[in-house]
């Protein structure tokens, strides 16, 4: 069994979303002795841009035309990232809430791997069908101020519904959302953190 841990935080050891994601992985290791972990740090690892060469290669495939050398090179790199993504059985995402939504680097990753014929299919009469079935996702989202139930004046969470909708779109319907918040405006963050870590242990068990 393979886990792909997708880290979209810049904060390293200071990242609270990363802390909880690592707790998820620790508990999964306890449950699955044969677990293989692949770490994808989006801000540090090689993540290709979905630029004009990538779009040109994609459109060439759609129209049956030949792509040029730069387009072919771009598409090869994109396929490598997709294959790495598709090979996992379990996804663990750690996501800091940026301006009420996901970091731009995670959107770039989503745009790279979400390709027709790979992640989803399309039929003119029935619409879209996700192709990455029989996988599970743990989505850890951290926010400094916002938490569920707080006044709208303190922000919103568009990240959770967006990521859930995307995962279902590509065929991943078994999703666990784990929120760690608030991490900054919190008079007893240690208790909040310990409660979430305890919940993770119970969830995986």
N, C-alpha and C. Protein backbone atom coordinates (compact mmCIF):
# COMPACT_ATOMS: atom_id res chain seq x y z
N UNK A 1 0.84 -1.18 0.00
CA UNK A 1 0.00 0.00 0.00
C UNK A 1 0.88 1.24 0.00
N UNK A 2 0.53 2.20 -0.84
CA UNK A 2 1.36 3.40 -1.00
C UNK A 2 0.58 4.65 -0.63
N UNK A 3 1.23 5.51 0.17
CA UNK A 3 0.70 6.82 0.53
C UNK A 3 1.48 7.89 -0.22
N UNK A 4 0.76 8.81 -0.84
CA UNK A 4 1.39 10.01 -1.39
C UNK A 4 1.01 11.17 -0.49
N UNK A 5 2.02 11.72 0.19
CA UNK A 5 1.82 12.88 1.06
C UNK A 5 2.13 14.14 0.26
N UNK A 6 1.13 14.97 0.07
CA UNK A 6 1.26 16.19 -0.73
C UNK A 6 1.25 17.39 0.22
N UNK A 7 2.43 17.98 0.39
CA UNK A 7 2.63 19.07 1.32
C UNK A 7 2.57 20.41 0.57
N UNK A 8 1.57 21.22 0.88
CA UNK A 8 1.44 22.52 0.21
C UNK A 8 1.72 23.68 1.15
N UNK A 9 2.48 23.41 2.22
CA UNK A 9 2.86 24.47 3.16
C UNK A 9 4.30 24.88 2.92
N UNK A 10 4.59 26.14 3.21
CA UNK A 10 5.96 26.66 3.10
C UNK A 10 6.70 26.65 4.43
N UNK A 11 6.04 26.28 5.54
CA UNK A 11 6.55 26.61 6.87
C UNK A 11 7.39 25.51 7.52
N UNK A 12 7.60 24.41 6.85
CA UNK A 12 8.47 23.37 7.40
C UNK A 12 8.03 22.91 8.77
N UNK A 13 8.96 22.84 9.72
CA UNK A 13 8.65 22.33 11.05
C UNK A 13 7.69 23.23 11.82
N UNK A 14 7.46 24.44 11.34
CA UNK A 14 6.50 25.34 11.98
C UNK A 14 5.08 25.19 11.43
N UNK A 15 4.92 24.33 10.45
CA UNK A 15 3.61 24.15 9.81
C UNK A 15 2.72 23.26 10.67
N UNK A 16 1.55 23.77 11.02
CA UNK A 16 0.62 22.99 11.82
C UNK A 16 -0.16 21.99 10.95
N UNK A 17 -0.40 22.34 9.71
CA UNK A 17 -1.05 21.36 8.82
C UNK A 17 -0.12 20.18 8.58
N UNK A 18 1.17 20.45 8.45
CA UNK A 18 2.16 19.39 8.26
C UNK A 18 2.25 18.51 9.51
N UNK A 19 2.21 19.12 10.68
CA UNK A 19 2.25 18.37 11.93
C UNK A 19 1.12 17.34 12.00
N UNK A 20 -0.08 17.76 11.66
CA UNK A 20 -1.22 16.85 11.72
C UNK A 20 -1.15 15.81 10.61
N UNK A 21 -0.70 16.21 9.43
CA UNK A 21 -0.54 15.24 8.33
C UNK A 21 0.45 14.15 8.72
N UNK A 22 1.52 14.54 9.39
CA UNK A 22 2.51 13.55 9.84
C UNK A 22 1.92 12.62 10.88
N UNK A 23 1.00 13.14 11.70
CA UNK A 23 0.30 12.29 12.67
C UNK A 23 -0.59 11.28 11.94
N UNK A 24 -1.25 11.72 10.88
CA UNK A 24 -2.05 10.80 10.06
C UNK A 24 -1.17 9.67 9.53
N UNK A 25 -0.03 10.02 8.98
CA UNK A 25 0.87 9.03 8.40
C UNK A 25 1.42 8.09 9.47
N UNK A 26 1.76 8.64 10.64
CA UNK A 26 2.24 7.80 11.74
C UNK A 26 1.20 6.75 12.13
N UNK A 27 -0.05 7.16 12.22
CA UNK A 27 -1.12 6.23 12.59
C UNK A 27 -1.37 5.21 11.47
N UNK A 28 -1.24 5.64 10.22
CA UNK A 28 -1.39 4.70 9.10
C UNK A 28 -0.28 3.65 9.12
N UNK A 29 0.93 4.07 9.49
CA UNK A 29 2.05 3.12 9.58
C UNK A 29 1.78 2.06 10.64
N UNK A 30 1.16 2.47 11.74
CA UNK A 30 0.83 1.52 12.81
C UNK A 30 -0.17 0.49 12.30
N UNK A 31 -1.10 0.95 11.50
CA UNK A 31 -2.17 0.06 11.01
C UNK A 31 -1.71 -0.80 9.84
N UNK A 32 -0.81 -0.28 9.01
CA UNK A 32 -0.37 -0.98 7.79
C UNK A 32 1.16 -1.11 7.82
N UNK A 33 1.63 -2.27 8.18
CA UNK A 33 3.08 -2.47 8.33
C UNK A 33 3.83 -2.34 7.01
N UNK A 34 3.14 -2.60 5.90
CA UNK A 34 3.81 -2.59 4.59
C UNK A 34 3.69 -1.24 3.88
N UNK A 35 3.33 -0.19 4.62
CA UNK A 35 3.07 1.10 4.01
C UNK A 35 4.32 1.70 3.37
N UNK A 36 4.18 2.20 2.14
CA UNK A 36 5.25 2.92 1.44
C UNK A 36 4.85 4.39 1.37
N UNK A 37 5.76 5.28 1.76
CA UNK A 37 5.46 6.71 1.82
C UNK A 37 6.23 7.45 0.73
N UNK A 38 5.50 8.24 -0.05
CA UNK A 38 6.10 9.12 -1.05
C UNK A 38 5.77 10.55 -0.64
N UNK A 39 6.81 11.35 -0.40
CA UNK A 39 6.62 12.74 0.04
C UNK A 39 6.76 13.69 -1.16
N UNK A 40 5.74 14.47 -1.41
CA UNK A 40 5.78 15.46 -2.50
C UNK A 40 5.63 16.85 -1.88
N UNK A 41 6.76 17.55 -1.75
CA UNK A 41 6.76 18.91 -1.23
C UNK A 41 6.59 19.86 -2.41
N UNK A 42 5.40 20.42 -2.54
CA UNK A 42 5.07 21.17 -3.75
C UNK A 42 5.93 22.41 -3.95
N UNK A 43 6.39 23.02 -2.87
CA UNK A 43 7.20 24.23 -3.00
C UNK A 43 8.67 23.94 -3.23
N UNK A 44 9.09 22.69 -3.08
CA UNK A 44 10.50 22.36 -3.22
C UNK A 44 10.78 21.33 -4.31
N UNK A 45 9.86 20.39 -4.54
CA UNK A 45 10.06 19.37 -5.56
C UNK A 45 9.77 19.92 -6.95
N UNK A 46 10.09 19.15 -7.95
CA UNK A 46 9.93 19.59 -9.35
C UNK A 46 8.47 19.46 -9.77
N UNK A 47 7.79 20.57 -9.86
CA UNK A 47 6.39 20.61 -10.30
C UNK A 47 6.32 21.46 -11.57
N UNK A 48 6.05 20.85 -12.72
CA UNK A 48 6.05 21.61 -13.97
C UNK A 48 4.92 22.63 -14.02
N UNK A 49 5.19 23.72 -14.70
CA UNK A 49 4.15 24.73 -14.92
C UNK A 49 3.19 24.23 -16.00
N UNK A 50 1.91 24.57 -15.84
CA UNK A 50 0.97 24.25 -16.91
C UNK A 50 0.89 25.49 -17.82
N UNK A 51 1.95 25.65 -18.63
CA UNK A 51 2.13 26.85 -19.42
C UNK A 51 1.68 26.64 -20.86
N UNK A 52 2.12 27.52 -21.76
CA UNK A 52 1.67 27.44 -23.16
C UNK A 52 2.12 26.15 -23.83
N UNK A 53 3.28 25.63 -23.43
CA UNK A 53 3.75 24.37 -24.03
C UNK A 53 2.88 23.19 -23.59
N UNK A 54 2.51 23.20 -22.30
CA UNK A 54 1.64 22.14 -21.80
C UNK A 54 0.25 22.22 -22.44
N UNK A 55 -0.27 23.44 -22.52
CA UNK A 55 -1.59 23.62 -23.15
C UNK A 55 -1.53 23.24 -24.63
N UNK A 56 -0.43 23.60 -25.29
CA UNK A 56 -0.27 23.24 -26.71
C UNK A 56 -0.24 21.74 -26.91
N UNK A 57 0.46 21.03 -26.04
CA UNK A 57 0.52 19.57 -26.14
C UNK A 57 -0.85 18.95 -25.90
N UNK A 58 -1.57 19.48 -24.91
CA UNK A 58 -2.91 18.97 -24.61
C UNK A 58 -3.85 19.19 -25.78
N UNK A 59 -3.83 20.35 -26.36
CA UNK A 59 -4.72 20.65 -27.48
C UNK A 59 -4.33 19.85 -28.72
N UNK A 60 -3.03 19.59 -28.89
CA UNK A 60 -2.59 18.76 -30.01
C UNK A 60 -3.16 17.35 -29.89
N UNK A 61 -3.20 16.82 -28.68
CA UNK A 61 -3.79 15.50 -28.46
C UNK A 61 -5.28 15.53 -28.76
N UNK A 62 -5.96 16.60 -28.34
CA UNK A 62 -7.40 16.72 -28.58
C UNK A 62 -7.72 16.74 -30.07
N UNK A 63 -6.91 17.46 -30.82
CA UNK A 63 -7.23 17.70 -32.23
C UNK A 63 -6.55 16.72 -33.18
N UNK A 64 -5.69 15.86 -32.63
CA UNK A 64 -4.99 14.88 -33.46
C UNK A 64 -3.83 15.47 -34.24
N UNK A 65 -3.35 16.64 -33.83
CA UNK A 65 -2.24 17.28 -34.50
C UNK A 65 -0.92 16.88 -33.84
N UNK A 66 0.18 17.19 -34.50
CA UNK A 66 1.49 16.92 -33.94
C UNK A 66 1.90 18.07 -33.03
N UNK A 67 2.51 17.73 -31.89
CA UNK A 67 3.04 18.76 -31.00
C UNK A 67 4.51 18.97 -31.30
N UNK A 68 5.02 20.15 -30.99
CA UNK A 68 6.42 20.43 -31.25
C UNK A 68 7.30 19.86 -30.12
N UNK A 69 8.60 20.01 -30.22
CA UNK A 69 9.52 19.39 -29.27
C UNK A 69 9.34 19.93 -27.85
N UNK A 70 9.13 21.25 -27.73
CA UNK A 70 8.93 21.83 -26.39
C UNK A 70 7.63 21.35 -25.77
N UNK A 71 6.60 21.21 -26.59
CA UNK A 71 5.32 20.72 -26.09
C UNK A 71 5.45 19.26 -25.64
N UNK A 72 6.16 18.46 -26.42
CA UNK A 72 6.35 17.05 -26.05
C UNK A 72 7.13 16.93 -24.74
N UNK A 73 8.14 17.78 -24.58
CA UNK A 73 8.94 17.75 -23.35
C UNK A 73 8.08 18.14 -22.15
N UNK A 74 7.24 19.15 -22.32
CA UNK A 74 6.36 19.59 -21.24
C UNK A 74 5.37 18.49 -20.86
N UNK A 75 4.83 17.83 -21.87
CA UNK A 75 3.83 16.79 -21.61
C UNK A 75 4.45 15.57 -20.94
N UNK A 76 5.69 15.27 -21.27
CA UNK A 76 6.40 14.15 -20.62
C UNK A 76 6.54 14.41 -19.13
N UNK A 77 6.90 15.63 -18.76
CA UNK A 77 7.06 15.99 -17.35
C UNK A 77 5.71 15.93 -16.62
N UNK A 78 4.67 16.38 -17.28
CA UNK A 78 3.34 16.34 -16.68
C UNK A 78 2.90 14.90 -16.46
N UNK A 79 3.17 14.03 -17.43
CA UNK A 79 2.79 12.63 -17.29
C UNK A 79 3.55 11.97 -16.13
N UNK A 80 4.79 12.36 -15.91
CA UNK A 80 5.56 11.82 -14.80
C UNK A 80 4.92 12.17 -13.46
N UNK A 81 4.46 13.41 -13.33
CA UNK A 81 3.81 13.82 -12.09
C UNK A 81 2.48 13.08 -11.93
N UNK A 82 1.73 12.97 -13.03
CA UNK A 82 0.47 12.24 -12.95
C UNK A 82 0.68 10.79 -12.55
N UNK A 83 1.64 10.13 -13.15
CA UNK A 83 1.90 8.72 -12.83
C UNK A 83 2.26 8.55 -11.35
N UNK A 84 3.03 9.49 -10.83
CA UNK A 84 3.37 9.45 -9.40
C UNK A 84 2.11 9.60 -8.56
N UNK A 85 1.22 10.49 -8.98
CA UNK A 85 -0.04 10.71 -8.27
C UNK A 85 -0.94 9.49 -8.37
N UNK A 86 -1.09 8.95 -9.54
CA UNK A 86 -2.03 7.85 -9.76
C UNK A 86 -1.58 6.55 -9.12
N UNK A 87 -0.28 6.42 -8.85
CA UNK A 87 0.23 5.16 -8.31
C UNK A 87 -0.09 4.98 -6.82
N UNK A 88 -0.56 6.02 -6.16
CA UNK A 88 -0.83 5.95 -4.72
C UNK A 88 -2.20 5.34 -4.44
N UNK A 89 -2.29 4.68 -3.30
CA UNK A 89 -3.57 4.15 -2.81
C UNK A 89 -4.26 5.13 -1.87
N UNK A 90 -3.45 5.88 -1.13
CA UNK A 90 -3.96 6.84 -0.15
C UNK A 90 -3.27 8.18 -0.38
N UNK A 91 -4.06 9.25 -0.31
CA UNK A 91 -3.52 10.61 -0.41
C UNK A 91 -3.64 11.29 0.95
N UNK A 92 -2.56 11.95 1.36
CA UNK A 92 -2.60 12.79 2.56
C UNK A 92 -2.17 14.19 2.13
N UNK A 93 -3.11 15.11 2.19
CA UNK A 93 -2.84 16.51 1.83
C UNK A 93 -2.73 17.34 3.10
N UNK A 94 -1.71 18.18 3.19
CA UNK A 94 -1.74 19.21 4.24
C UNK A 94 -1.77 20.57 3.57
N UNK A 95 -2.77 21.35 4.00
CA UNK A 95 -3.13 22.57 3.28
C UNK A 95 -3.34 23.72 4.26
N UNK A 96 -2.49 24.75 4.21
CA UNK A 96 -2.79 25.96 4.97
C UNK A 96 -3.83 26.79 4.22
N UNK A 97 -4.72 27.40 4.97
CA UNK A 97 -5.74 28.25 4.34
C UNK A 97 -5.11 29.59 3.98
N UNK A 98 -5.06 29.88 2.69
CA UNK A 98 -4.49 31.14 2.18
C UNK A 98 -5.63 31.96 1.59
N UNK A 99 -5.87 33.12 2.17
CA UNK A 99 -6.91 34.01 1.64
C UNK A 99 -8.22 33.25 1.40
N UNK A 100 -8.58 32.46 2.40
CA UNK A 100 -9.84 31.69 2.41
C UNK A 100 -9.84 30.49 1.47
N UNK A 101 -8.69 30.19 0.84
CA UNK A 101 -8.68 29.09 -0.12
C UNK A 101 -7.33 28.38 -0.09
N UNK A 102 -7.03 27.59 -1.12
CA UNK A 102 -5.81 26.79 -1.14
C UNK A 102 -4.62 27.63 -1.64
N UNK A 103 -3.39 27.26 -1.29
CA UNK A 103 -2.21 27.92 -1.86
C UNK A 103 -2.15 27.72 -3.37
N UNK A 104 -1.61 28.70 -4.06
CA UNK A 104 -1.57 28.65 -5.53
C UNK A 104 -0.82 27.42 -6.04
N UNK A 105 0.18 26.95 -5.29
CA UNK A 105 0.99 25.82 -5.75
C UNK A 105 0.16 24.54 -5.79
N UNK A 106 -0.81 24.43 -4.89
CA UNK A 106 -1.68 23.25 -4.90
C UNK A 106 -2.63 23.30 -6.09
N UNK A 107 -3.09 24.48 -6.45
CA UNK A 107 -3.92 24.62 -7.65
C UNK A 107 -3.11 24.24 -8.89
N UNK A 108 -1.84 24.61 -8.90
CA UNK A 108 -0.97 24.23 -10.02
C UNK A 108 -0.86 22.71 -10.11
N UNK A 109 -0.67 22.06 -8.96
CA UNK A 109 -0.60 20.60 -8.94
C UNK A 109 -1.89 19.98 -9.48
N UNK A 110 -3.02 20.51 -9.04
CA UNK A 110 -4.32 20.00 -9.49
C UNK A 110 -4.46 20.15 -11.01
N UNK A 111 -4.05 21.30 -11.54
CA UNK A 111 -4.15 21.53 -12.98
C UNK A 111 -3.22 20.62 -13.77
N UNK A 112 -2.10 20.24 -13.17
CA UNK A 112 -1.16 19.34 -13.85
C UNK A 112 -1.72 17.92 -13.93
N UNK A 113 -2.27 17.41 -12.84
CA UNK A 113 -2.67 15.99 -12.81
C UNK A 113 -4.09 15.73 -13.32
N UNK A 114 -4.92 16.77 -13.40
CA UNK A 114 -6.31 16.55 -13.77
C UNK A 114 -6.48 16.66 -15.28
N UNK A 115 -6.20 15.54 -15.95
CA UNK A 115 -6.22 15.51 -17.41
C UNK A 115 -7.23 14.49 -17.92
N UNK A 116 -7.91 14.81 -19.03
CA UNK A 116 -8.88 13.87 -19.61
C UNK A 116 -8.20 12.59 -20.07
N UNK A 117 -8.86 11.49 -19.82
CA UNK A 117 -8.31 10.19 -20.18
C UNK A 117 -7.37 9.63 -19.14
N UNK A 118 -6.90 10.48 -18.24
CA UNK A 118 -6.04 10.06 -17.14
C UNK A 118 -6.85 10.08 -15.84
N UNK A 119 -7.21 11.28 -15.40
CA UNK A 119 -7.92 11.43 -14.13
C UNK A 119 -9.44 11.38 -14.29
N UNK A 120 -9.92 11.72 -15.47
CA UNK A 120 -11.37 11.70 -15.68
C UNK A 120 -11.69 11.40 -17.14
N UNK A 121 -12.90 10.90 -17.34
CA UNK A 121 -13.41 10.68 -18.69
C UNK A 121 -14.60 11.58 -18.94
N UNK A 122 -15.00 11.69 -20.20
CA UNK A 122 -16.14 12.54 -20.53
C UNK A 122 -16.97 11.90 -21.62
N UNK A 123 -18.27 11.92 -21.43
CA UNK A 123 -19.22 11.43 -22.42
C UNK A 123 -20.24 12.55 -22.68
N UNK A 124 -20.47 12.93 -23.95
CA UNK A 124 -21.39 14.03 -24.24
C UNK A 124 -22.80 13.82 -23.69
N UNK A 125 -23.20 12.57 -23.51
CA UNK A 125 -24.56 12.31 -23.03
C UNK A 125 -24.65 12.16 -21.52
N UNK A 126 -23.56 11.72 -20.88
CA UNK A 126 -23.62 11.46 -19.43
C UNK A 126 -22.71 12.37 -18.62
N UNK A 127 -21.79 13.08 -19.28
CA UNK A 127 -20.92 14.02 -18.57
C UNK A 127 -19.61 13.40 -18.12
N UNK A 128 -19.09 13.89 -17.01
CA UNK A 128 -17.76 13.50 -16.53
C UNK A 128 -17.82 12.25 -15.66
N UNK A 129 -16.73 11.48 -15.70
CA UNK A 129 -16.59 10.31 -14.85
C UNK A 129 -15.17 10.26 -14.30
N UNK A 130 -15.05 10.16 -12.98
CA UNK A 130 -13.73 10.06 -12.37
C UNK A 130 -13.11 8.70 -12.64
N UNK A 131 -11.81 8.67 -12.88
CA UNK A 131 -11.12 7.42 -13.24
C UNK A 131 -10.19 6.91 -12.13
N UNK A 132 -9.96 7.72 -11.10
CA UNK A 132 -9.06 7.30 -10.02
C UNK A 132 -9.88 6.75 -8.86
N UNK A 133 -10.45 5.60 -9.08
CA UNK A 133 -11.36 5.00 -8.10
C UNK A 133 -10.60 4.16 -7.07
N UNK A 134 -11.31 3.77 -6.03
CA UNK A 134 -10.80 2.86 -4.99
C UNK A 134 -9.57 3.43 -4.28
N UNK A 135 -9.56 4.74 -4.06
CA UNK A 135 -8.50 5.40 -3.31
C UNK A 135 -9.12 6.17 -2.16
N UNK A 136 -8.30 6.50 -1.17
CA UNK A 136 -8.76 7.24 -0.01
C UNK A 136 -7.94 8.51 0.14
N UNK A 137 -8.57 9.56 0.66
CA UNK A 137 -7.86 10.83 0.86
C UNK A 137 -8.11 11.36 2.27
N UNK A 138 -7.03 11.82 2.88
CA UNK A 138 -7.10 12.57 4.13
C UNK A 138 -6.67 14.00 3.81
N UNK A 139 -7.54 14.96 4.09
CA UNK A 139 -7.27 16.35 3.77
C UNK A 139 -7.17 17.14 5.07
N UNK A 140 -5.95 17.58 5.40
CA UNK A 140 -5.71 18.35 6.62
C UNK A 140 -5.63 19.83 6.26
N UNK A 141 -6.50 20.62 6.86
CA UNK A 141 -6.54 22.05 6.56
C UNK A 141 -6.35 22.83 7.85
N UNK A 142 -5.36 23.74 7.82
CA UNK A 142 -5.05 24.58 8.99
C UNK A 142 -5.36 26.03 8.69
N UNK A 143 -5.90 26.72 9.68
CA UNK A 143 -6.16 28.16 9.52
C UNK A 143 -5.84 28.88 10.82
N UNK A 144 -5.26 30.07 10.68
CA UNK A 144 -4.80 30.81 11.84
C UNK A 144 -5.91 31.49 12.62
N UNK A 145 -6.93 31.99 11.91
CA UNK A 145 -8.00 32.74 12.55
C UNK A 145 -9.35 32.04 12.36
N UNK A 146 -9.64 31.65 11.13
CA UNK A 146 -10.96 31.08 10.83
C UNK A 146 -11.15 29.71 11.49
N UNK A 147 -12.36 29.47 11.93
CA UNK A 147 -12.79 28.12 12.31
C UNK A 147 -14.28 28.01 12.07
N UNK A 148 -14.76 26.80 11.92
CA UNK A 148 -16.16 26.58 11.57
C UNK A 148 -17.06 27.15 12.67
N UNK A 149 -17.99 28.01 12.26
CA UNK A 149 -18.93 28.60 13.20
C UNK A 149 -18.61 30.02 13.59
N UNK A 150 -17.40 30.51 13.26
CA UNK A 150 -17.05 31.88 13.60
C UNK A 150 -17.75 32.85 12.64
N UNK A 151 -17.87 34.12 13.05
CA UNK A 151 -18.51 35.13 12.22
C UNK A 151 -17.83 35.26 10.87
N UNK A 152 -18.61 35.62 9.87
CA UNK A 152 -18.07 35.82 8.51
C UNK A 152 -17.00 36.90 8.46
N UNK A 153 -17.00 37.78 9.44
CA UNK A 153 -15.98 38.83 9.49
C UNK A 153 -14.59 38.28 9.70
N UNK A 154 -14.49 37.01 10.10
CA UNK A 154 -13.19 36.41 10.39
C UNK A 154 -12.75 35.42 9.31
N UNK A 155 -13.38 35.50 8.15
CA UNK A 155 -12.94 34.68 7.03
C UNK A 155 -13.92 33.60 6.64
N UNK A 156 -13.49 32.80 5.67
CA UNK A 156 -14.30 31.70 5.14
C UNK A 156 -13.36 30.55 4.78
N UNK A 157 -13.95 29.41 4.54
CA UNK A 157 -13.19 28.24 4.11
C UNK A 157 -13.75 27.75 2.78
N UNK A 158 -13.12 28.20 1.70
CA UNK A 158 -13.48 27.69 0.38
C UNK A 158 -12.61 26.50 0.00
N UNK A 159 -11.56 26.25 0.78
CA UNK A 159 -10.62 25.17 0.45
C UNK A 159 -11.25 23.79 0.61
N UNK A 160 -11.95 23.57 1.72
CA UNK A 160 -12.52 22.24 1.98
C UNK A 160 -13.51 21.82 0.91
N UNK A 161 -14.53 22.62 0.60
CA UNK A 161 -15.46 22.18 -0.46
C UNK A 161 -14.79 22.06 -1.83
N UNK A 162 -13.83 22.95 -2.10
CA UNK A 162 -13.14 22.87 -3.40
C UNK A 162 -12.38 21.56 -3.54
N UNK A 163 -11.60 21.21 -2.53
CA UNK A 163 -10.81 19.98 -2.60
C UNK A 163 -11.69 18.74 -2.60
N UNK A 164 -12.76 18.76 -1.81
CA UNK A 164 -13.69 17.62 -1.81
C UNK A 164 -14.32 17.44 -3.18
N UNK A 165 -14.74 18.54 -3.79
CA UNK A 165 -15.37 18.47 -5.11
C UNK A 165 -14.38 17.96 -6.16
N UNK A 166 -13.13 18.45 -6.10
CA UNK A 166 -12.12 18.00 -7.06
C UNK A 166 -11.83 16.51 -6.90
N UNK A 167 -11.65 16.07 -5.66
CA UNK A 167 -11.35 14.65 -5.42
C UNK A 167 -12.49 13.76 -5.93
N UNK A 168 -13.71 14.15 -5.69
CA UNK A 168 -14.85 13.37 -6.19
C UNK A 168 -14.89 13.40 -7.72
N UNK A 169 -14.53 14.54 -8.30
CA UNK A 169 -14.51 14.68 -9.76
C UNK A 169 -13.56 13.67 -10.40
N UNK A 170 -12.43 13.40 -9.75
CA UNK A 170 -11.46 12.46 -10.33
C UNK A 170 -11.69 11.02 -9.84
N UNK A 171 -12.74 10.81 -9.04
CA UNK A 171 -13.10 9.45 -8.66
C UNK A 171 -12.79 9.05 -7.24
N UNK A 172 -12.23 9.98 -6.45
CA UNK A 172 -11.89 9.66 -5.05
C UNK A 172 -13.06 10.11 -4.18
N UNK A 173 -13.86 9.15 -3.74
CA UNK A 173 -15.05 9.48 -2.96
C UNK A 173 -14.88 9.23 -1.46
N UNK A 174 -13.86 8.49 -1.08
CA UNK A 174 -13.60 8.19 0.34
C UNK A 174 -12.67 9.26 0.89
N UNK A 175 -13.24 10.30 1.51
CA UNK A 175 -12.49 11.49 1.91
C UNK A 175 -12.71 11.77 3.40
N UNK A 176 -11.62 12.03 4.09
CA UNK A 176 -11.70 12.46 5.49
C UNK A 176 -11.13 13.87 5.60
N UNK A 177 -11.93 14.81 6.11
CA UNK A 177 -11.48 16.18 6.33
C UNK A 177 -11.05 16.34 7.79
N UNK A 178 -9.87 16.88 7.99
CA UNK A 178 -9.33 17.10 9.33
C UNK A 178 -8.93 18.57 9.43
N UNK A 179 -9.55 19.30 10.34
CA UNK A 179 -9.28 20.73 10.48
C UNK A 179 -8.51 21.00 11.77
N UNK A 180 -7.47 21.79 11.67
CA UNK A 180 -6.73 22.26 12.83
C UNK A 180 -6.83 23.78 12.84
N UNK A 181 -7.66 24.31 13.75
CA UNK A 181 -7.93 25.75 13.74
C UNK A 181 -8.63 26.17 15.03
N UNK A 182 -8.48 27.43 15.39
CA UNK A 182 -7.51 28.38 14.85
C UNK A 182 -6.13 28.13 15.46
N UNK A 183 -5.10 28.35 14.68
CA UNK A 183 -3.74 28.06 15.13
C UNK A 183 -3.04 29.29 15.70
N UNK A 184 -3.57 30.49 15.44
CA UNK A 184 -2.92 31.72 15.88
C UNK A 184 -3.76 32.44 16.92
N UNK A 185 -4.97 32.82 16.56
CA UNK A 185 -5.86 33.52 17.49
C UNK A 185 -6.58 32.46 18.33
N UNK A 186 -5.85 31.96 19.34
CA UNK A 186 -6.35 30.85 20.14
C UNK A 186 -5.66 30.91 21.50
N UNK A 187 -6.45 31.07 22.57
CA UNK A 187 -5.86 31.20 23.90
C UNK A 187 -5.39 29.87 24.47
N UNK A 188 -5.80 28.76 23.87
CA UNK A 188 -5.35 27.45 24.34
C UNK A 188 -5.11 26.54 23.14
N UNK A 189 -4.15 26.95 22.31
CA UNK A 189 -3.88 26.17 21.10
C UNK A 189 -3.35 24.78 21.41
N UNK A 190 -2.61 24.64 22.50
CA UNK A 190 -2.09 23.31 22.85
C UNK A 190 -3.23 22.31 23.01
N UNK A 191 -4.31 22.72 23.66
CA UNK A 191 -5.46 21.82 23.81
C UNK A 191 -6.10 21.53 22.47
N UNK A 192 -6.26 22.56 21.63
CA UNK A 192 -6.82 22.36 20.29
C UNK A 192 -6.00 21.34 19.52
N UNK A 193 -4.67 21.49 19.56
CA UNK A 193 -3.78 20.59 18.84
C UNK A 193 -3.89 19.16 19.38
N UNK A 194 -3.87 19.01 20.69
CA UNK A 194 -3.95 17.67 21.28
C UNK A 194 -5.28 17.00 20.97
N UNK A 195 -6.36 17.78 20.96
CA UNK A 195 -7.68 17.23 20.62
C UNK A 195 -7.71 16.71 19.19
N UNK A 196 -7.12 17.48 18.28
CA UNK A 196 -7.11 17.05 16.87
C UNK A 196 -6.24 15.80 16.70
N UNK A 197 -5.10 15.76 17.36
CA UNK A 197 -4.21 14.60 17.25
C UNK A 197 -4.87 13.35 17.83
N UNK A 198 -5.62 13.53 18.91
CA UNK A 198 -6.37 12.41 19.49
C UNK A 198 -7.46 11.95 18.54
N UNK A 199 -8.14 12.89 17.90
CA UNK A 199 -9.19 12.55 16.93
C UNK A 199 -8.60 11.77 15.74
N UNK A 200 -7.41 12.18 15.31
CA UNK A 200 -6.75 11.49 14.20
C UNK A 200 -6.46 10.04 14.59
N UNK A 201 -5.94 9.84 15.78
CA UNK A 201 -5.62 8.49 16.25
C UNK A 201 -6.87 7.60 16.24
N UNK A 202 -7.99 8.15 16.75
CA UNK A 202 -9.24 7.40 16.78
C UNK A 202 -9.77 7.14 15.35
N UNK A 203 -9.64 8.14 14.50
CA UNK A 203 -10.13 8.01 13.12
C UNK A 203 -9.43 6.89 12.38
N UNK A 204 -8.09 6.87 12.47
CA UNK A 204 -7.32 5.85 11.74
C UNK A 204 -7.54 4.47 12.36
N UNK A 205 -7.61 4.43 13.67
CA UNK A 205 -7.82 3.14 14.35
C UNK A 205 -9.15 2.52 13.97
